[in-house]
C-alpha atoms as a PDB file:
ATOM      1  CA  UNK A   1       0.000   0.000   0.000  1.00  0.00           C
ATOM      2  CA  UNK A   2       1.456   3.348  -1.028  1.00  0.00           C
ATOM      3  CA  UNK A   3       0.213   4.943   2.209  1.00  0.00           C
ATOM      4  CA  UNK A   4       2.463   2.630   4.208  1.00  0.00           C
ATOM      5  CA  UNK A   5       5.481   3.029   1.903  1.00  0.00           C
ATOM      6  CA  UNK A   6       5.580   6.051  -0.394  1.00  0.00           C
ATOM      7  CA  UNK A   7       8.712   4.700  -2.084  1.00  0.00           C
ATOM      8  CA  UNK A   8       6.871   1.626  -3.374  1.00  0.00           C
ATOM      9  CA  UNK A   9       6.862   2.405  -7.122  1.00  0.00           C
ATOM     10  CA  UNK A  10       4.361  -0.304  -8.164  1.00  0.00           C
ATOM     11  CA  UNK A  11       1.961   0.918  -5.472  1.00  0.00           C
ATOM     12  CA  UNK A  12       2.420   4.518  -6.657  1.00  0.00           C
ATOM     13  CA  UNK A  13       1.666   3.434 -10.226  1.00  0.00           C
ATOM     14  CA  UNK A  14      -1.456   1.625  -9.000  1.00  0.00           C
ATOM     15  CA  UNK A  15      -2.561   4.797  -7.203  1.00  0.00           C
ATOM     16  CA  UNK A  16      -2.010   6.859 -10.351  1.00  0.00           C
ATOM     17  CA  UNK A  17      -4.175   4.439 -12.359  1.00  0.00           C
ATOM     18  CA  UNK A  18      -6.815   4.414  -9.611  1.00  0.00           C
ATOM     19  CA  UNK A  19      -6.832   8.216  -9.601  1.00  0.00           C
ATOM     20  CA  UNK A  20      -7.280   8.291 -13.369  1.00  0.00           C
ATOM     21  CA  UNK A  21     -10.145   5.796 -13.203  1.00  0.00           C
ATOM     22  CA  UNK A  22     -11.746   7.766 -10.365  1.00  0.00           C
ATOM     23  CA  UNK A  23     -11.575  10.972 -12.373  1.00  0.00           C
ATOM     24  CA  UNK A  24     -13.086   9.300 -15.417  1.00  0.00           C
ATOM     25  CA  UNK A  25     -15.876   7.805 -13.318  1.00  0.00           C
ATOM     26  CA  UNK A  26     -16.674  11.115 -11.649  1.00  0.00           C
ATOM     27  CA  UNK A  27     -16.690  12.969 -14.941  1.00  0.00           C
ATOM     28  CA  UNK A  28     -19.210  10.511 -16.353  1.00  0.00           C
ATOM     29  CA  UNK A  29     -21.370   9.678 -13.336  1.00  0.00           C
ATOM     30  CA  UNK A  30     -21.594  12.899 -11.339  1.00  0.00           C
ATOM     31  CA  UNK A  31     -20.423  13.576  -7.820  1.00  0.00           C
ATOM     32  CA  UNK A  32     -23.121  13.734  -5.152  1.00  0.00           C
ATOM     33  CA  UNK A  33     -23.381  14.750  -1.514  1.00  0.00           C
ATOM     34  CA  UNK A  34     -19.844  14.042  -0.337  1.00  0.00           C
ATOM     35  CA  UNK A  35     -18.373  16.277  -3.009  1.00  0.00           C
ATOM     36  CA  UNK A  36     -21.174  18.748  -2.389  1.00  0.00           C
ATOM     37  CA  UNK A  37     -19.813  19.111   1.152  1.00  0.00           C
ATOM     38  CA  UNK A  38     -16.149  19.047   0.121  1.00  0.00           C
ATOM     39  CA  UNK A  39     -16.365  22.296  -1.842  1.00  0.00           C
ATOM     40  CA  UNK A  40     -17.910  24.481   0.893  1.00  0.00           C
ATOM     41  CA  UNK A  41     -15.693  22.907   3.535  1.00  0.00           C
ATOM     42  CA  UNK A  42     -12.593  23.408   1.402  1.00  0.00           C
ATOM     43  CA  UNK A  43     -13.524  27.025   0.797  1.00  0.00           C
ATOM     44  CA  UNK A  44     -14.231  27.737   4.459  1.00  0.00           C
ATOM     45  CA  UNK A  45     -11.459  25.788   6.178  1.00  0.00           C
ATOM     46  CA  UNK A  46      -8.130  26.283   4.383  1.00  0.00           C
ATOM     47  CA  UNK A  47      -4.855  24.372   4.725  1.00  0.00           C
ATOM     48  CA  UNK A  48      -6.154  20.876   3.979  1.00  0.00           C
ATOM     49  CA  UNK A  49      -7.209  19.236   0.764  1.00  0.00           C
ATOM     50  CA  UNK A  50     -10.867  18.849  -0.123  1.00  0.00           C
ATOM     51  CA  UNK A  51     -10.366  15.162  -0.800  1.00  0.00           C
ATOM     52  CA  UNK A  52      -9.463  14.469   2.818  1.00  0.00           C
ATOM     53  CA  UNK A  53     -12.519  16.338   3.996  1.00  0.00           C
ATOM     54  CA  UNK A  54     -14.636  14.426   1.527  1.00  0.00           C
ATOM     55  CA  UNK A  55     -13.211  11.171   2.822  1.00  0.00           C
ATOM     56  CA  UNK A  56     -13.974  12.211   6.386  1.00  0.00           C
ATOM     57  CA  UNK A  57     -17.586  12.873   5.402  1.00  0.00           C
ATOM     58  CA  UNK A  58     -17.850   9.739   3.235  1.00  0.00           C
ATOM     59  CA  UNK A  59     -17.500   7.371   6.146  1.00  0.00           C
ATOM     60  CA  UNK A  60     -20.845   8.694   7.379  1.00  0.00           C
ATOM     61  CA  UNK A  61     -22.681   8.618   4.064  1.00  0.00           C
ATOM     62  CA  UNK A  62     -26.242   7.630   4.817  1.00  0.00           C
ATOM     63  CA  UNK A  63     -27.550   7.386   1.292  1.00  0.00           C
ATOM     64  CA  UNK A  64     -27.997   3.589   1.072  1.00  0.00           C
ATOM     65  CA  UNK A  65     -30.251   3.385   4.169  1.00  0.00           C
ATOM     66  CA  UNK A  66     -32.183   6.473   3.097  1.00  0.00           C
ATOM     67  CA  UNK A  67     -32.600   5.140  -0.431  1.00  0.00           C
ATOM     68  CA  UNK A  68     -33.825   1.815   0.998  1.00  0.00           C
ATOM     69  CA  UNK A  69     -36.478   3.678   2.998  1.00  0.00           C
ATOM     70  CA  UNK A  70     -37.653   5.962   0.198  1.00  0.00           C
ATOM     71  CA  UNK A  71     -37.089   3.905  -2.914  1.00  0.00           C
ATOM     72  CA  UNK A  72     -36.476   0.244  -2.057  1.00  0.00           C
ATOM     73  CA  UNK A  73     -36.532  -0.743  -5.737  1.00  0.00           C
ATOM     74  CA  UNK A  74     -34.073   1.987  -6.706  1.00  0.00           C
ATOM     75  CA  UNK A  75     -31.455   1.237  -9.327  1.00  0.00           C
ATOM     76  CA  UNK A  76     -29.059   3.262  -7.148  1.00  0.00           C
ATOM     77  CA  UNK A  77     -29.286   0.606  -4.431  1.00  0.00           C
ATOM     78  CA  UNK A  78     -28.326  -2.104  -6.907  1.00  0.00           C
ATOM     79  CA  UNK A  79     -25.367   0.040  -7.987  1.00  0.00           C
ATOM     80  CA  UNK A  80     -24.328   0.573  -4.347  1.00  0.00           C
ATOM     81  CA  UNK A  81     -24.459  -3.204  -3.839  1.00  0.00           C
ATOM     82  CA  UNK A  82     -22.343  -3.734  -6.959  1.00  0.00           C
ATOM     83  CA  UNK A  83     -19.741  -1.230  -5.799  1.00  0.00           C
ATOM     84  CA  UNK A  84     -19.683  -2.909  -2.379  1.00  0.00           C
ATOM     85  CA  UNK A  85     -18.959  -6.279  -4.016  1.00  0.00           C
ATOM     86  CA  UNK A  86     -16.054  -4.711  -5.909  1.00  0.00           C
ATOM     87  CA  UNK A  87     -14.667  -2.972  -2.833  1.00  0.00           C
ATOM     88  CA  UNK A  88     -14.936  -5.900  -0.456  1.00  0.00           C
ATOM     89  CA  UNK A  89     -14.256  -8.751  -2.861  1.00  0.00           C
ATOM     90  CA  UNK A  90     -17.336 -10.503  -1.488  1.00  0.00           C
ATOM     91  CA  UNK A  91     -20.013 -11.719  -3.903  1.00  0.00           C
ATOM     92  CA  UNK A  92     -22.655 -11.255  -1.196  1.00  0.00           C
ATOM     93  CA  UNK A  93     -21.687  -7.727  -0.088  1.00  0.00           C
ATOM     94  CA  UNK A  94     -24.402  -5.117   0.283  1.00  0.00           C
ATOM     95  CA  UNK A  95     -24.313  -1.334   0.167  1.00  0.00           C
ATOM     96  CA  UNK A  96     -23.939  -1.272   3.960  1.00  0.00           C
ATOM     97  CA  UNK A  97     -20.865  -3.506   3.673  1.00  0.00           C
ATOM     98  CA  UNK A  98     -19.426  -1.005   1.204  1.00  0.00           C
ATOM     99  CA  UNK A  99     -20.042   1.899   3.594  1.00  0.00           C
ATOM    100  CA  UNK A 100     -18.346  -0.118   6.360  1.00  0.00           C
ATOM    101  CA  UNK A 101     -15.388  -0.848   4.044  1.00  0.00           C
ATOM    102  CA  UNK A 102     -14.987   2.865   3.282  1.00  0.00           C
ATOM    103  CA  UNK A 103     -15.144   3.671   7.005  1.00  0.00           C
ATOM    104  CA  UNK A 104     -12.378   1.158   7.713  1.00  0.00           C
ATOM    105  CA  UNK A 105     -10.253   2.535   4.886  1.00  0.00           C
ATOM    106  CA  UNK A 106     -10.640   6.090   6.166  1.00  0.00           C
ATOM    107  CA  UNK A 107      -9.608   4.875   9.636  1.00  0.00           C
ATOM    108  CA  UNK A 108      -6.639   2.915   8.233  1.00  0.00           C
ATOM    109  CA  UNK A 109      -5.494   6.028   6.370  1.00  0.00           C
ATOM    110  CA  UNK A 110      -5.790   7.981   9.633  1.00  0.00           C
ATOM    111  CA  UNK A 111      -8.034  10.632   8.112  1.00  0.00           C
ATOM    112  CA  UNK A 112      -9.347  12.736  10.990  1.00  0.00           C
ATOM    113  CA  UNK A 113     -12.975  13.445  11.631  1.00  0.00           C
ATOM    114  CA  UNK A 114     -14.190  16.808  10.371  1.00  0.00           C
ATOM    115  CA  UNK A 115     -13.801  18.289  13.841  1.00  0.00           C
ATOM    116  CA  UNK A 116     -10.071  17.775  13.372  1.00  0.00           C
ATOM    117  CA  UNK A 117     -10.208  20.421  10.650  1.00  0.00           C
ATOM    118  CA  UNK A 118     -11.844  22.969  12.956  1.00  0.00           C
ATOM    119  CA  UNK A 119     -15.418  22.305  11.851  1.00  0.00           C
ATOM    120  CA  UNK A 120     -17.862  22.660  14.740  1.00  0.00           C
ATOM    121  CA  UNK A 121     -21.600  22.475  15.323  1.00  0.00           C
ATOM    122  CA  UNK A 122     -21.902  26.224  14.762  1.00  0.00           C
ATOM    123  CA  UNK A 123     -20.672  25.742  11.173  1.00  0.00           C
ATOM    124  CA  UNK A 124     -23.213  23.056  10.257  1.00  0.00           C
ATOM    125  CA  UNK A 125     -26.100  25.290   9.120  1.00  0.00           C
ATOM    126  CA  UNK A 126     -23.889  27.415   6.853  1.00  0.00           C
ATOM    127  CA  UNK A 127     -22.124  24.394   5.341  1.00  0.00           C
ATOM    128  CA  UNK A 128     -25.433  22.617   4.732  1.00  0.00           C
ATOM    129  CA  UNK A 129     -26.868  25.700   3.001  1.00  0.00           C
ATOM    130  CA  UNK A 130     -23.828  25.947   0.754  1.00  0.00           C
ATOM    131  CA  UNK A 131     -23.700  22.201   0.057  1.00  0.00           C
ATOM    132  CA  UNK A 132     -27.427  22.043  -0.731  1.00  0.00           C
ATOM    133  CA  UNK A 133     -26.883  24.568  -3.538  1.00  0.00           C
ATOM    134  CA  UNK A 134     -23.782  22.865  -4.921  1.00  0.00           C
ATOM    135  CA  UNK A 135     -24.122  21.484  -8.433  1.00  0.00           C
ATOM    136  CA  UNK A 136     -22.704  18.195  -7.148  1.00  0.00           C
ATOM    137  CA  UNK A 137     -25.962  17.527  -5.294  1.00  0.00           C
ATOM    138  CA  UNK A 138     -27.775  17.120  -8.608  1.00  0.00           C
ATOM    139  CA  UNK A 139     -26.036  13.776  -9.115  1.00  0.00           C
ATOM    140  CA  UNK A 140     -27.175  12.348  -5.782  1.00  0.00           C
ATOM    141  CA  UNK A 141     -29.283   9.205  -6.217  1.00  0.00           C
ATOM    142  CA  UNK A 142     -31.880  10.655  -3.829  1.00  0.00           C
ATOM    143  CA  UNK A 143     -32.643  14.214  -2.802  1.00  0.00           C
ATOM    144  CA  UNK A 144     -31.406  14.781   0.734  1.00  0.00           C
ATOM    145  CA  UNK A 145     -33.231  17.224   2.964  1.00  0.00           C
ATOM    146  CA  UNK A 146     -31.380  19.938   4.873  1.00  0.00           C
ATOM    147  CA  UNK A 147     -31.960  17.923   8.043  1.00  0.00           C
ATOM    148  CA  UNK A 148     -30.395  14.810   6.472  1.00  0.00           C
ATOM    149  CA  UNK A 149     -27.417  16.789   5.227  1.00  0.00           C
ATOM    150  CA  UNK A 150     -26.944  18.288   8.697  1.00  0.00           C
ATOM    151  CA  UNK A 151     -27.183  14.837  10.288  1.00  0.00           C
ATOM    152  CA  UNK A 152     -24.543  13.470   7.919  1.00  0.00           C
ATOM    153  CA  UNK A 153     -22.243  16.384   8.673  1.00  0.00           C
ATOM    154  CA  UNK A 154     -22.773  16.089  12.430  1.00  0.00           C
ATOM    155  CA  UNK A 155     -21.936  12.381  12.343  1.00  0.00           C
ATOM    156  CA  UNK A 156     -18.635  13.287  10.677  1.00  0.00           C
ATOM    157  CA  UNK A 157     -17.678  15.874  13.306  1.00  0.00           C
END
């Protein structure tokens, strides 16, 4: 893993390919709530990269459970399950397993919670308002209410 050994050239090459594939996927599929938060957070709390903040928020992504409640037959849920199978290597993985896998990865990479970047409860309302208007939110599989966005952000503090 390149995180453990930055001099590992094959791992660095793998990360470069993964980054390329991620960029291509995002350009073609849209971004969603995590990126919707990353922009306002990055603009309000300098000195750290947006990607780290996005990762900190991603571990608390509640879209699969919310989608299951609102649209149990949603194609997005099937896609979340498919991504979870790819991430975990398990043919029986579900979207929740994928969210757990991301949470473990974020912990393994020692990415701090959003509070570690100076984000506090008093910032939640402003960040939610900015994130709700971000163009990235248009690609979310379900529309999240302001209360749901605030809950997601609070869980990441």
